[in-house]
Amino acid sequence: MGSKSRISGNYRNPCLTMHQPWASLLVEGIKRIEGRSWPSPITGRLWIHAAGKIPDPETIKAMEDFYREIYTVNGITDLKFPEHYPISRLIGCVEVVGCVTCEELVCWEEVPEGVRLEGQTNYCWLCEQPQKLIVPFEMRGFQGVYNLEKKIYDAAARGLSPVRAPLPVKFPLPDPRDPFSLKPGSLVSYGSGSSPSEAEKSPRLAAAIAGARAAATQFSKKNGSQSTAIKVQETPVSPRTRNKSKLDTDSPLNSEARGSDMNCI
């Protein structure tokens, strides 16, 4: 079934503005979980736009260290990171195949342990099939999930290139007959796994997780957020209301938009 026909909600070509380095890590297939404090309003293709704030080297290092360590858990030790983290650009897309709670993800034994370690937020958007634009192009971002303008979509759809992810993940559906069955509460009935305890984590892994949390929290403080990085409160913005709160990609995003990256470690 094509991605267009699988999109749920009042969206045609949904897009999400994220800060760097989180945006590129998602499009490059390194990041598999997009963390939020609200459940995903769509299932299907989600375009990713990188906001206009230049990422600090310390933030980039903390997030790369985090992913380097969680991939090591699954035996991958030669992780390649993006050479550049472009800003104020539409950079690619992923397929959102569902959304589960953090509690469900960390106990989900059917997915690799490294993926479960990405569960650091209330809701976890499950992302597959990353694609990136061969030539990212400049555009303006908005709050929450919004629709791409048709002319931007038409141009972007022709310039996509599949990404070879370091550890591709196929999230199993609770009900194979229902492509929308991966939703909050759908794994509670049969999830029997357990979250790795702090004692089971290697010192390097524990330090990487702490560093990623600290980097996200510091990022939040620098941008004036009143909430912590992991528990920042957000409300999804509908296409109908997003025009009331248009943002320039070079302007500081408000607390709701910032939460997309505060929560995504």
Protein backbone atom coordinates (compact mmCIF):
# COMPACT_ATOMS: atom_id res chain seq x y z
CA MET A 1 0.00 0.00 0.00
CA GLY A 2 1.46 3.37 -0.99
CA SER A 3 2.41 5.96 1.58
CA LYS A 4 -0.19 8.45 0.34
CA SER A 5 -3.07 6.06 0.90
CA ARG A 6 -1.82 5.19 4.36
CA ILE A 7 -1.67 8.73 5.71
CA SER A 8 -4.18 9.22 8.50
CA GLY A 9 -5.60 12.49 9.79
CA ASN A 10 -6.29 15.70 7.86
CA TYR A 11 -2.93 15.76 6.12
CA ARG A 12 -1.95 15.55 2.48
CA ASN A 13 1.84 15.70 2.63
CA PRO A 14 2.67 16.02 6.34
CA CYS A 15 5.93 17.60 7.41
CA LEU A 16 7.67 18.13 10.74
CA THR A 17 10.24 20.81 11.57
CA MET A 18 13.04 19.53 13.82
CA HIS A 19 16.27 21.00 15.11
CA GLN A 20 19.65 19.59 14.18
CA PRO A 21 21.29 17.16 14.74
CA TRP A 22 18.09 15.20 15.40
CA ALA A 23 16.62 15.94 11.96
CA SER A 24 19.51 14.53 9.96
CA LEU A 25 19.97 11.56 12.27
CA LEU A 26 16.36 10.59 11.53
CA VAL A 27 16.60 11.05 7.75
CA GLU A 28 19.92 9.17 7.64
CA GLY A 29 18.26 6.14 9.25
CA ILE A 30 20.40 6.30 12.40
CA LYS A 31 17.52 7.48 14.54
CA ARG A 32 14.54 5.11 14.44
CA ILE A 33 12.34 6.64 17.13
CA GLU A 34 10.97 10.17 17.10
CA GLY A 35 10.14 11.02 20.70
CA ARG A 36 7.26 13.26 21.71
CA SER A 37 4.96 14.01 24.61
CA TRP A 38 1.97 13.51 22.29
CA PRO A 39 1.02 10.59 20.04
CA SER A 40 1.61 10.73 16.31
CA PRO A 41 -1.35 12.22 14.42
CA ILE A 42 -0.37 10.42 11.19
CA THR A 43 0.68 7.09 9.80
CA GLY A 44 2.60 7.15 6.54
CA ARG A 45 5.18 9.39 4.93
CA LEU A 46 6.43 12.25 7.10
CA TRP A 47 8.66 14.91 5.56
CA ILE A 48 11.45 16.27 7.73
CA HIS A 49 12.50 19.92 7.72
CA ALA A 50 15.60 21.13 9.58
CA ALA A 51 15.05 24.34 11.54
CA GLY A 52 17.33 27.35 11.29
CA LYS A 53 19.31 27.03 14.52
CA ILE A 54 22.94 26.00 14.05
CA PRO A 55 23.64 23.03 16.35
CA ASP A 56 26.38 23.37 18.95
CA PRO A 57 29.37 21.03 18.48
CA GLU A 58 28.79 19.77 22.03
CA THR A 59 25.20 18.81 21.20
CA ILE A 60 26.27 17.01 18.03
CA LYS A 61 28.97 15.10 19.93
CA ALA A 62 26.57 14.09 22.72
CA MET A 63 23.97 12.76 20.29
CA GLU A 64 26.54 10.96 18.14
CA ASP A 65 28.03 9.37 21.26
CA PHE A 66 24.54 8.27 22.31
CA TYR A 67 23.80 6.55 19.01
CA ARG A 68 27.30 5.11 18.77
CA GLU A 69 26.80 3.35 22.11
CA ILE A 70 23.26 2.06 21.51
CA TYR A 71 24.30 0.63 18.14
CA THR A 72 27.24 -1.10 19.83
CA VAL A 73 24.65 -3.00 21.89
CA ASN A 74 23.58 -4.66 18.60
CA GLY A 75 27.13 -5.27 17.41
CA ILE A 76 27.50 -2.28 15.07
CA THR A 77 30.74 -0.45 15.82
CA ASP A 78 31.46 1.45 12.59
CA LEU A 79 28.54 3.87 12.59
CA LYS A 80 28.88 6.64 9.96
CA PHE A 81 27.40 10.02 10.86
CA PRO A 82 26.45 12.87 8.50
CA GLU A 83 29.33 15.11 7.49
CA HIS A 84 27.04 18.12 7.60
CA TYR A 85 23.85 19.07 9.45
CA PRO A 86 22.06 21.50 7.11
CA ILE A 87 19.66 24.09 8.53
CA SER A 88 16.59 25.87 7.16
CA ARG A 89 16.15 23.06 4.64
CA LEU A 90 13.75 20.30 3.75
CA ILE A 91 16.07 17.30 3.96
CA GLY A 92 14.06 14.10 3.42
CA CYS A 93 11.34 11.86 4.81
CA VAL A 94 10.57 8.71 6.77
CA GLU A 95 7.60 6.35 7.04
CA VAL A 96 5.82 6.57 10.39
CA VAL A 97 4.40 3.06 10.79
CA GLY A 98 2.86 3.60 14.21
CA CYS A 99 3.24 5.04 17.67
CA VAL A 100 3.56 3.36 21.08
CA THR A 101 4.25 4.55 24.60
CA CYS A 102 7.73 4.56 26.06
CA GLU A 103 6.72 1.81 28.49
CA GLU A 104 5.64 -0.40 25.60
CA LEU A 105 8.75 0.23 23.51
CA VAL A 106 11.31 -0.53 26.20
CA CYS A 107 9.65 -3.91 26.84
CA TRP A 108 9.20 -4.85 23.17
CA GLU A 109 11.51 -7.83 22.71
CA GLU A 110 10.65 -8.21 19.01
CA VAL A 111 12.75 -5.14 18.14
CA PRO A 112 16.53 -4.73 18.63
CA GLU A 113 17.66 -3.64 22.07
CA GLY A 114 19.29 -0.53 20.65
CA VAL A 115 15.90 0.63 19.35
CA ARG A 116 14.36 0.05 22.76
CA LEU A 117 17.06 2.21 24.31
CA GLU A 118 15.83 5.10 22.17
CA GLY A 119 12.61 5.11 24.19
CA GLN A 120 13.18 8.17 26.39
CA THR A 121 9.85 10.02 26.00
CA ASN A 122 6.14 9.62 26.66
CA TYR A 123 5.31 8.63 23.08
CA CYS A 124 7.56 7.00 20.50
CA TRP A 125 6.87 7.45 16.80
CA LEU A 126 8.15 4.38 14.94
CA CYS A 127 10.06 5.33 11.79
CA GLU A 128 11.13 3.18 8.83
CA GLN A 129 12.31 3.61 5.22
CA PRO A 130 14.35 6.81 5.51
CA GLN A 131 14.95 8.77 2.32
CA LYS A 132 16.91 11.97 1.87
CA LEU A 133 16.82 14.70 -0.69
CA ILE A 134 19.77 14.65 -3.05
CA VAL A 135 19.73 18.44 -2.89
CA PRO A 136 18.06 19.80 0.29
CA PHE A 137 16.31 23.05 -0.45
CA GLU A 138 15.41 26.05 1.61
CA MET A 139 11.92 26.49 3.00
CA ARG A 140 10.06 27.87 5.98
CA GLY A 141 8.98 25.77 8.96
CA PHE A 142 5.88 25.72 11.16
CA GLN A 143 4.73 24.36 14.50
CA GLY A 144 3.71 20.74 14.93
CA VAL A 145 2.82 18.59 11.92
CA TYR A 146 1.78 20.62 8.88
CA ASN A 147 1.20 20.11 5.16
CA LEU A 148 3.88 20.85 2.62
CA GLU A 149 2.85 23.27 -0.07
CA LYS A 150 2.03 21.40 -3.25
CA LYS A 151 4.79 23.01 -5.32
CA ILE A 152 7.36 22.09 -2.65
CA TYR A 153 6.05 18.54 -2.45
CA ASP A 154 6.09 18.10 -6.23
CA ALA A 155 9.73 19.19 -6.39
CA ALA A 156 10.82 17.21 -3.33
CA ALA A 157 9.16 13.96 -4.36
CA ARG A 158 11.31 13.86 -7.50
CA GLY A 159 14.57 14.34 -5.61
CA LEU A 160 14.45 11.57 -3.03
CA SER A 161 17.16 8.94 -2.64
CA PRO A 162 16.79 5.80 -0.47
CA VAL A 163 19.11 5.61 2.53
CA ARG A 164 21.07 2.53 3.53
CA ALA A 165 20.39 2.54 7.26
CA PRO A 166 23.04 0.97 9.52
CA LEU A 167 20.43 -1.33 11.10
CA PRO A 168 17.11 -1.26 9.21
CA VAL A 169 14.15 -2.03 11.45
CA LYS A 170 10.81 -3.50 10.48
CA PHE A 171 8.38 -2.98 13.35
CA PRO A 172 6.03 -5.99 13.57
CA LEU A 173 2.32 -5.20 13.55
CA PRO A 174 0.22 -6.52 16.46
CA ASP A 175 -2.46 -7.31 13.85
CA PRO A 176 -0.89 -8.12 10.46
CA ARG A 177 -4.24 -7.47 8.79
CA ASP A 178 -4.41 -3.92 10.14
CA PRO A 179 -1.65 -1.49 8.99
CA PHE A 180 -2.81 0.97 11.66
CA SER A 181 -2.60 -1.45 14.60
CA LEU A 182 0.61 -0.01 16.07
CA LYS A 183 -0.87 2.58 18.38
CA PRO A 184 -0.57 3.45 22.09
CA GLY A 185 -1.85 0.51 24.12
CA SER A 186 -1.54 -1.99 21.28
CA LEU A 187 1.46 -3.81 22.81
CA VAL A 188 0.30 -3.94 26.42
CA SER A 189 -1.55 -7.23 26.10
CA TYR A 190 1.40 -9.29 24.88
CA GLY A 191 4.51 -7.36 25.82
CA SER A 192 6.46 -9.58 28.19
CA GLY A 193 9.92 -8.10 28.00
CA SER A 194 11.58 -5.86 30.53
CA SER A 195 13.52 -2.65 30.33
CA PRO A 196 17.27 -3.03 30.91
CA SER A 197 18.07 -1.93 34.43
CA GLU A 198 20.69 0.70 35.08
CA ALA A 199 22.88 -2.02 36.54
CA GLU A 200 22.78 -3.97 33.26
CA LYS A 201 24.00 -1.02 31.21
CA SER A 202 27.71 -0.62 30.59
CA PRO A 203 29.29 2.49 32.07
CA ARG A 204 29.86 3.86 28.55
CA LEU A 205 26.23 3.30 27.58
CA ALA A 206 24.92 4.83 30.80
CA ALA A 207 27.20 7.84 30.29
CA ALA A 208 26.05 8.24 26.67
CA ILE A 209 22.39 8.20 27.69
CA ALA A 210 23.05 10.72 30.45
CA GLY A 211 25.01 12.90 28.03
CA ALA A 212 22.21 12.88 25.46
CA ARG A 213 19.66 13.82 28.11
CA ALA A 214 21.90 16.60 29.38
CA ALA A 215 22.46 17.92 25.85
CA ALA A 216 18.75 18.00 25.13
CA THR A 217 18.06 19.71 28.46
CA GLN A 218 20.76 22.29 27.82
CA PHE A 219 19.38 22.87 24.34
CA SER A 220 15.97 23.49 25.89
CA LYS A 221 17.38 26.01 28.38
CA LYS A 222 19.27 27.91 25.69
CA ASN A 223 16.06 28.28 23.74
CA GLY A 224 14.07 29.53 26.70
CA SER A 225 11.92 26.46 27.29
CA GLN A 226 10.22 26.31 30.67
CA SER A 227 10.14 22.50 30.73
CA THR A 228 12.75 19.80 30.99
CA ALA A 229 14.02 18.16 27.85
CA ILE A 230 12.34 14.84 28.39
CA LYS A 231 8.97 15.94 29.73
CA VAL A 232 8.29 19.14 27.81
CA GLN A 233 4.57 19.49 27.16
CA GLU A 234 3.37 19.78 23.57
CA THR A 235 0.08 19.91 21.72
CA PRO A 236 -0.10 18.86 18.07
CA VAL A 237 -1.05 21.70 15.75
CA SER A 238 -3.59 21.03 13.02
CA PRO A 239 -3.20 22.22 9.43
CA ARG A 240 -6.18 24.52 10.01
CA THR A 241 -4.49 26.46 12.80
CA ARG A 242 -0.84 26.34 11.79
CA ASN A 243 -1.13 29.40 9.52
CA LYS A 244 -1.87 31.47 12.61
CA SER A 245 1.55 30.68 13.99
CA LYS A 246 3.86 30.72 10.98
CA LEU A 247 7.53 30.68 11.91
CA ASP A 248 10.59 31.75 10.02
CA THR A 249 13.18 28.98 10.10
CA ASP A 250 15.83 31.45 11.28
CA SER A 251 13.73 32.57 14.25
CA PRO A 252 13.74 30.74 17.60
CA LEU A 253 10.97 28.13 17.65
CA ASN A 254 8.46 28.31 20.47
CA SER A 255 8.35 25.73 23.25
CA GLU A 256 5.99 23.43 21.37
CA ALA A 257 8.14 23.27 18.26
CA ARG A 258 11.30 22.99 20.33
CA GLY A 259 9.84 19.98 22.06
CA SER A 260 10.22 17.97 18.89
CA ASP A 261 13.94 17.92 19.54
CA MET A 262 13.95 18.15 23.30
CA ASN A 263 12.13 14.84 23.38
CA CYS A 264 13.81 12.97 20.62
CA ILE A 265 16.91 11.43 22.16
